[in-house]
Amino acid sequence: MRLAPTLLALLLAAGPVAAAEGDFVRLRGTIASLAGGVLSVSTREGDLAEVRLLPSFIIAGVEPVPGRRIAVGDYVGIGSLPEPAGPDRALEVLVFPDSMEGTGEGSFPWDLVPGSIMTNARVSKVTEAPDGRLVTLSFAGETKTVRVPSDVPVVTFVASDLPDLAPGRRVFVPAMEDADGGLESDFVAVETGGTPPPM
C-alpha cells in the first residue's frame, strides 16, 4: 500500500484539530453516504461532515494483527496517554505496512482523547508484563517505552476498495480545508471485517 500525502502530513502535525482555512481536520465517525465523490461522515461529535475525495484518494481497510503481535523491528504508530507514574499507557497500536515505514516519525500531541500522544517509531524491544507488554520505541535518536495492556487493539492497514465505503462503516478521515471552506482528503481508513480504525 502506497502512502497517501495527506496522511503523512497529518501524522507530522501536532496540536488539536484546527478549523482555519488550509488546516487539517481528523474526522472519526461512521459513513452516512458516498455520492458523486463526496463522503458524508456522521462524526463522533454528532455533526455531519462532507469530504470531497481527491482523484488519487486511497482507501485503507483495517484488520487485527494475529495474536495482537508486536515484534522487534516493526514500524508502529501508538496512541497513548501519560500515566502519573511509569510509562504511557497505550490506547491503540497500528503496525504500519512495510511500504509506510518512516511515516511521521516522532512523538507529538494527538486528538484521539484529551491529552493523548501519538508516537510513530520502530520497535526496539518488547518485554512481557503482568497486564500486557512494555514496548520500547526508537526514533530520531530517542527512545520511549509504552505499556500496552492485553486488551488494546493492535491493527494494520490492508488494501480496500469502494464497496467498503458503505453506510454504517466506521472511518478515520484525515482531511484538509480548501479555499472555499470545504473539506477534501486523499485517504480514508475504513472498518473491514468488523474492525474499526482505532486511531
C-alpha atoms as a PDB file:
ATOM      1  CA  MET A   1       0.000   0.000   0.000  1.00  0.00           C
ATOM      2  CA  ARG A   2       1.444   3.361  -1.029  1.00  0.00           C
ATOM      3  CA  LEU A   3       1.398   6.225   1.456  1.00  0.00           C
ATOM      4  CA  ALA A   4      -1.146   8.996   0.969  1.00  0.00           C
ATOM      5  CA  PRO A   5       0.412  12.504   1.184  1.00  0.00           C
ATOM      6  CA  THR A   6      -2.369  13.876   3.394  1.00  0.00           C
ATOM      7  CA  LEU A   7      -1.911  11.110   5.951  1.00  0.00           C
ATOM      8  CA  LEU A   8       1.816  11.795   6.073  1.00  0.00           C
ATOM      9  CA  ALA A   9       1.229  15.494   6.723  1.00  0.00           C
ATOM     10  CA  LEU A  10      -1.321  14.727   9.427  1.00  0.00           C
ATOM     11  CA  LEU A  11       0.913  12.324  11.242  1.00  0.00           C
ATOM     12  CA  LEU A  12       3.552  15.025  11.301  1.00  0.00           C
ATOM     13  CA  ALA A  13       1.109  17.672  12.564  1.00  0.00           C
ATOM     14  CA  ALA A  14       0.821  18.472  16.256  1.00  0.00           C
ATOM     15  CA  GLY A  15      -1.873  20.067  18.355  1.00  0.00           C
ATOM     16  CA  PRO A  16      -5.663  19.868  18.424  1.00  0.00           C
ATOM     17  CA  VAL A  17      -7.982  19.712  15.449  1.00  0.00           C
ATOM     18  CA  ALA A  18      -7.954  23.122  13.788  1.00  0.00           C
ATOM     19  CA  ALA A  19     -10.682  24.923  11.886  1.00  0.00           C
ATOM     20  CA  ALA A  20      -8.807  27.610   9.970  1.00  0.00           C
ATOM     21  CA  GLU A  21      -8.565  27.526   6.172  1.00  0.00           C
ATOM     22  CA  GLY A  22      -5.845  25.172   4.995  1.00  0.00           C
ATOM     23  CA  ASP A  23      -5.616  23.355   8.330  1.00  0.00           C
ATOM     24  CA  PHE A  24      -6.081  19.649   8.866  1.00  0.00           C
ATOM     25  CA  VAL A  25      -9.102  18.027  10.489  1.00  0.00           C
ATOM     26  CA  ARG A  26      -9.195  14.427  11.678  1.00  0.00           C
ATOM     27  CA  LEU A  27     -12.705  13.020  11.265  1.00  0.00           C
ATOM     28  CA  ARG A  28     -13.813   9.962  13.211  1.00  0.00           C
ATOM     29  CA  GLY A  29     -17.284   8.524  12.835  1.00  0.00           C
ATOM     30  CA  THR A  30     -19.496   6.431  10.568  1.00  0.00           C
ATOM     31  CA  ILE A  31     -20.259   6.738   6.886  1.00  0.00           C
ATOM     32  CA  ALA A  32     -23.627   8.295   6.143  1.00  0.00           C
ATOM     33  CA  SER A  33     -23.308   8.179   2.338  1.00  0.00           C
ATOM     34  CA  LEU A  34     -20.972   8.310  -0.642  1.00  0.00           C
ATOM     35  CA  ALA A  35     -22.210  10.084  -3.747  1.00  0.00           C
ATOM     36  CA  GLY A  36     -20.503  11.966  -6.549  1.00  0.00           C
ATOM     37  CA  GLY A  37     -17.089  11.655  -4.942  1.00  0.00           C
ATOM     38  CA  VAL A  38     -18.318  13.196  -1.682  1.00  0.00           C
ATOM     39  CA  LEU A  39     -18.117  11.150   1.512  1.00  0.00           C
ATOM     40  CA  SER A  40     -20.583  12.159   4.233  1.00  0.00           C
ATOM     41  CA  VAL A  41     -19.484  11.202   7.742  1.00  0.00           C
ATOM     42  CA  SER A  42     -21.549  11.269  10.924  1.00  0.00           C
ATOM     43  CA  THR A  43     -18.779  12.326  13.291  1.00  0.00           C
ATOM     44  CA  ARG A  44     -18.291  11.221  16.879  1.00  0.00           C
ATOM     45  CA  GLU A  45     -19.082  14.818  17.873  1.00  0.00           C
ATOM     46  CA  GLY A  46     -22.573  14.459  16.386  1.00  0.00           C
ATOM     47  CA  ASP A  47     -22.051  16.555  13.246  1.00  0.00           C
ATOM     48  CA  LEU A  48     -22.393  15.600   9.582  1.00  0.00           C
ATOM     49  CA  ALA A  49     -19.188  16.347   7.683  1.00  0.00           C
ATOM     50  CA  GLU A  50     -18.898  16.205   3.897  1.00  0.00           C
ATOM     51  CA  VAL A  51     -15.495  15.424   2.428  1.00  0.00           C
ATOM     52  CA  ARG A  52     -14.593  15.672  -1.248  1.00  0.00           C
ATOM     53  CA  LEU A  53     -12.391  12.711  -2.140  1.00  0.00           C
ATOM     54  CA  LEU A  54      -9.487  13.698  -4.374  1.00  0.00           C
ATOM     55  CA  PRO A  55      -8.997  11.724  -7.610  1.00  0.00           C
ATOM     56  CA  SER A  56      -5.925   9.967  -6.217  1.00  0.00           C
ATOM     57  CA  PHE A  57      -7.513   9.034  -2.890  1.00  0.00           C
ATOM     58  CA  ILE A  58      -6.567   5.784  -1.172  1.00  0.00           C
ATOM     59  CA  ILE A  59      -8.849   3.503   0.838  1.00  0.00           C
ATOM     60  CA  ALA A  60      -7.179   1.503   3.594  1.00  0.00           C
ATOM     61  CA  GLY A  61      -9.043  -1.301   5.271  1.00  0.00           C
ATOM     62  CA  VAL A  62      -8.253  -2.173   8.878  1.00  0.00           C
ATOM     63  CA  GLU A  63      -7.690  -5.660  10.220  1.00  0.00           C
ATOM     64  CA  PRO A  64      -6.406  -7.015  13.537  1.00  0.00           C
ATOM     65  CA  VAL A  65      -2.842  -8.267  13.716  1.00  0.00           C
ATOM     66  CA  PRO A  66      -2.996 -12.013  14.532  1.00  0.00           C
ATOM     67  CA  GLY A  67      -2.394 -12.568  18.223  1.00  0.00           C
ATOM     68  CA  ARG A  68      -2.009  -8.811  18.685  1.00  0.00           C
ATOM     69  CA  ARG A  69       1.611  -9.403  17.702  1.00  0.00           C
ATOM     70  CA  ILE A  70       4.124  -6.574  18.143  1.00  0.00           C
ATOM     71  CA  ALA A  71       7.630  -7.578  17.135  1.00  0.00           C
ATOM     72  CA  VAL A  72      11.063  -6.000  17.312  1.00  0.00           C
ATOM     73  CA  GLY A  73      11.671  -4.242  14.005  1.00  0.00           C
ATOM     74  CA  ASP A  74       8.008  -3.331  13.399  1.00  0.00           C
ATOM     75  CA  TYR A  75       7.317   0.285  12.494  1.00  0.00           C
ATOM     76  CA  VAL A  76       4.284   1.303  14.544  1.00  0.00           C
ATOM     77  CA  GLY A  77       2.063   4.200  15.489  1.00  0.00           C
ATOM     78  CA  ILE A  78       0.951   4.041  19.123  1.00  0.00           C
ATOM     79  CA  GLY A  79      -1.646   6.378  20.560  1.00  0.00           C
ATOM     80  CA  SER A  80      -1.122   6.659  24.307  1.00  0.00           C
ATOM     81  CA  LEU A  81      -1.932   8.563  27.467  1.00  0.00           C
ATOM     82  CA  PRO A  82       0.680   9.659  30.018  1.00  0.00           C
ATOM     83  CA  GLU A  83       0.370   7.981  33.407  1.00  0.00           C
ATOM     84  CA  PRO A  84       1.056   9.665  36.777  1.00  0.00           C
ATOM     85  CA  ALA A  85       3.946   7.246  37.265  1.00  0.00           C
ATOM     86  CA  GLY A  86       5.678   4.934  34.844  1.00  0.00           C
ATOM     87  CA  PRO A  87       5.383   4.726  31.066  1.00  0.00           C
ATOM     88  CA  ASP A  88       2.480   5.956  28.943  1.00  0.00           C
ATOM     89  CA  ARG A  89      -0.493   3.606  28.603  1.00  0.00           C
ATOM     90  CA  ALA A  90      -1.314   2.646  25.007  1.00  0.00           C
ATOM     91  CA  LEU A  91      -4.819   3.258  23.655  1.00  0.00           C
ATOM     92  CA  GLU A  92      -4.212   1.612  20.278  1.00  0.00           C
ATOM     93  CA  VAL A  93      -1.393   0.237  18.146  1.00  0.00           C
ATOM     94  CA  LEU A  94      -1.121   0.484  14.361  1.00  0.00           C
ATOM     95  CA  VAL A  95       1.518  -1.754  12.769  1.00  0.00           C
ATOM     96  CA  PHE A  96       2.350   0.035   9.531  1.00  0.00           C
ATOM     97  CA  PRO A  97       2.660  -1.962   6.295  1.00  0.00           C
ATOM     98  CA  ASP A  98       6.232  -2.143   5.019  1.00  0.00           C
ATOM     99  CA  SER A  99       5.525   0.462   2.337  1.00  0.00           C
ATOM    100  CA  MET A 100       4.602   3.018   5.023  1.00  0.00           C
ATOM    101  CA  GLU A 101       7.729   2.656   7.163  1.00  0.00           C
ATOM    102  CA  GLY A 102       9.056   6.013   8.340  1.00  0.00           C
ATOM    103  CA  THR A 103       5.655   7.716   8.256  1.00  0.00           C
ATOM    104  CA  GLY A 104       5.593  10.760  10.542  1.00  0.00           C
ATOM    105  CA  GLU A 105       8.431   9.549  12.748  1.00  0.00           C
ATOM    106  CA  GLY A 106       8.379  11.160  16.173  1.00  0.00           C
ATOM    107  CA  SER A 107       6.166  11.734  19.205  1.00  0.00           C
ATOM    108  CA  PHE A 108       3.599  14.518  19.276  1.00  0.00           C
ATOM    109  CA  PRO A 109       0.183  15.558  20.670  1.00  0.00           C
ATOM    110  CA  TRP A 110      -2.795  13.656  19.260  1.00  0.00           C
ATOM    111  CA  ASP A 111      -6.549  14.137  19.498  1.00  0.00           C
ATOM    112  CA  LEU A 112      -7.891  10.616  19.965  1.00  0.00           C
ATOM    113  CA  VAL A 113      -8.786  11.601  23.526  1.00  0.00           C
ATOM    114  CA  PRO A 114      -7.796  14.719  25.500  1.00  0.00           C
ATOM    115  CA  GLY A 115      -4.132  14.640  26.443  1.00  0.00           C
ATOM    116  CA  SER A 116      -3.244  11.755  24.148  1.00  0.00           C
ATOM    117  CA  ILE A 117       0.064  11.384  22.307  1.00  0.00           C
ATOM    118  CA  MET A 118       0.960   9.681  19.038  1.00  0.00           C
ATOM    119  CA  THR A 119       4.369   8.061  18.663  1.00  0.00           C
ATOM    120  CA  ASN A 120       5.458   6.731  15.277  1.00  0.00           C
ATOM    121  CA  ALA A 121       8.662   4.750  15.630  1.00  0.00           C
ATOM    122  CA  ARG A 122      10.426   1.444  15.255  1.00  0.00           C
ATOM    123  CA  VAL A 123      10.041  -1.192  17.956  1.00  0.00           C
ATOM    124  CA  SER A 124      13.425  -1.893  19.533  1.00  0.00           C
ATOM    125  CA  LYS A 125      12.336  -4.058  22.469  1.00  0.00           C
ATOM    126  CA  VAL A 126       9.255  -5.955  23.675  1.00  0.00           C
ATOM    127  CA  THR A 127       9.035  -7.163  27.278  1.00  0.00           C
ATOM    128  CA  GLU A 128       6.181  -9.208  28.713  1.00  0.00           C
ATOM    129  CA  ALA A 129       4.458  -7.619  31.721  1.00  0.00           C
ATOM    130  CA  PRO A 130       1.708  -8.868  34.087  1.00  0.00           C
ATOM    131  CA  ASP A 131      -1.010  -6.851  32.324  1.00  0.00           C
ATOM    132  CA  GLY A 132       0.362  -6.877  28.780  1.00  0.00           C
ATOM    133  CA  ARG A 133       3.686  -5.749  27.319  1.00  0.00           C
ATOM    134  CA  LEU A 134       6.220  -2.982  27.614  1.00  0.00           C
ATOM    135  CA  VAL A 135       7.168  -1.803  24.144  1.00  0.00           C
ATOM    136  CA  THR A 136      10.283   0.313  23.653  1.00  0.00           C
ATOM    137  CA  LEU A 137      10.203   2.639  20.649  1.00  0.00           C
ATOM    138  CA  SER A 138      13.224   4.215  18.953  1.00  0.00           C
ATOM    139  CA  PHE A 139      13.001   7.375  16.877  1.00  0.00           C
ATOM    140  CA  ALA A 140      15.364  10.215  15.917  1.00  0.00           C
ATOM    141  CA  GLY A 141      17.983   9.162  18.449  1.00  0.00           C
ATOM    142  CA  GLU A 142      15.430   8.913  21.274  1.00  0.00           C
ATOM    143  CA  THR A 143      13.656   6.042  22.999  1.00  0.00           C
ATOM    144  CA  LYS A 144      10.268   5.811  24.666  1.00  0.00           C
ATOM    145  CA  THR A 145       8.622   2.921  26.494  1.00  0.00           C
ATOM    146  CA  VAL A 146       4.851   2.437  26.309  1.00  0.00           C
ATOM    147  CA  ARG A 147       2.765  -0.032  28.321  1.00  0.00           C
ATOM    148  CA  VAL A 148       0.419  -1.940  26.004  1.00  0.00           C
ATOM    149  CA  PRO A 149      -2.379  -3.631  28.014  1.00  0.00           C
ATOM    150  CA  SER A 150      -3.506  -7.014  26.716  1.00  0.00           C
ATOM    151  CA  ASP A 151      -6.913  -5.695  25.606  1.00  0.00           C
ATOM    152  CA  VAL A 152      -5.591  -2.820  23.471  1.00  0.00           C
ATOM    153  CA  PRO A 153      -6.376  -3.193  19.732  1.00  0.00           C
ATOM    154  CA  VAL A 154      -3.371  -3.943  17.517  1.00  0.00           C
ATOM    155  CA  VAL A 155      -4.238  -3.437  13.854  1.00  0.00           C
ATOM    156  CA  THR A 156      -2.698  -2.913  10.439  1.00  0.00           C
ATOM    157  CA  PHE A 157      -3.812  -1.423   7.118  1.00  0.00           C
ATOM    158  CA  VAL A 158      -4.844  -3.659   4.215  1.00  0.00           C
ATOM    159  CA  ALA A 159      -5.884  -2.920   0.644  1.00  0.00           C
ATOM    160  CA  SER A 160      -9.516  -1.906   0.274  1.00  0.00           C
ATOM    161  CA  ASP A 161     -11.861  -0.583  -2.398  1.00  0.00           C
ATOM    162  CA  LEU A 162     -15.014   1.489  -2.966  1.00  0.00           C
ATOM    163  CA  PRO A 163     -17.515  -1.199  -1.873  1.00  0.00           C
ATOM    164  CA  ASP A 164     -16.064  -0.934   1.636  1.00  0.00           C
ATOM    165  CA  LEU A 165     -17.185   2.705   1.851  1.00  0.00           C
ATOM    166  CA  ALA A 166     -20.692   1.604   2.761  1.00  0.00           C
ATOM    167  CA  PRO A 167     -23.131   3.420   5.064  1.00  0.00           C
ATOM    168  CA  GLY A 168     -22.610   2.488   8.695  1.00  0.00           C
ATOM    169  CA  ARG A 169     -18.937   1.606   8.318  1.00  0.00           C
ATOM    170  CA  ARG A 170     -16.690   3.353  10.825  1.00  0.00           C
ATOM    171  CA  VAL A 171     -13.943   5.553   9.382  1.00  0.00           C
ATOM    172  CA  PHE A 172     -10.960   7.742  10.159  1.00  0.00           C
ATOM    173  CA  VAL A 173     -10.532  10.503   7.573  1.00  0.00           C
ATOM    174  CA  PRO A 174      -7.665  12.995   7.663  1.00  0.00           C
ATOM    175  CA  ALA A 175      -8.942  15.986   5.703  1.00  0.00           C
ATOM    176  CA  MET A 176      -7.866  19.500   4.842  1.00  0.00           C
ATOM    177  CA  GLU A 177      -9.964  22.632   4.386  1.00  0.00           C
ATOM    178  CA  ASP A 178      -9.907  24.023   0.859  1.00  0.00           C
ATOM    179  CA  ALA A 179     -10.064  27.668  -0.184  1.00  0.00           C
ATOM    180  CA  ASP A 180     -13.878  27.624  -0.057  1.00  0.00           C
ATOM    181  CA  GLY A 181     -14.054  26.213   3.464  1.00  0.00           C
ATOM    182  CA  GLY A 182     -14.974  22.697   2.366  1.00  0.00           C
ATOM    183  CA  LEU A 183     -13.093  19.545   3.258  1.00  0.00           C
ATOM    184  CA  GLU A 184     -11.043  17.350   0.941  1.00  0.00           C
ATOM    185  CA  SER A 185      -8.997  14.221   1.513  1.00  0.00           C
ATOM    186  CA  ASP A 186      -6.873  11.648  -0.289  1.00  0.00           C
ATOM    187  CA  PHE A 187      -7.071   8.957   2.412  1.00  0.00           C
ATOM    188  CA  VAL A 188      -9.834   7.026   4.167  1.00  0.00           C
ATOM    189  CA  ALA A 189      -9.247   4.305   6.746  1.00  0.00           C
ATOM    190  CA  VAL A 190     -12.395   2.194   6.926  1.00  0.00           C
ATOM    191  CA  GLU A 191     -13.757  -0.599   9.106  1.00  0.00           C
ATOM    192  CA  THR A 192     -13.375  -4.012   7.492  1.00  0.00           C
ATOM    193  CA  GLY A 193     -14.488  -7.320   8.940  1.00  0.00           C
ATOM    194  CA  GLY A 194     -15.880  -5.543  11.977  1.00  0.00           C
ATOM    195  CA  THR A 195     -12.544  -3.936  12.917  1.00  0.00           C
ATOM    196  CA  PRO A 196     -12.795  -0.124  13.082  1.00  0.00           C
ATOM    197  CA  PRO A 197      -9.876   2.286  12.732  1.00  0.00           C
ATOM    198  CA  PRO A 198      -8.808   2.775  16.374  1.00  0.00           C
ATOM    199  CA  MET A 199      -6.695   5.852  15.745  1.00  0.00           C
END
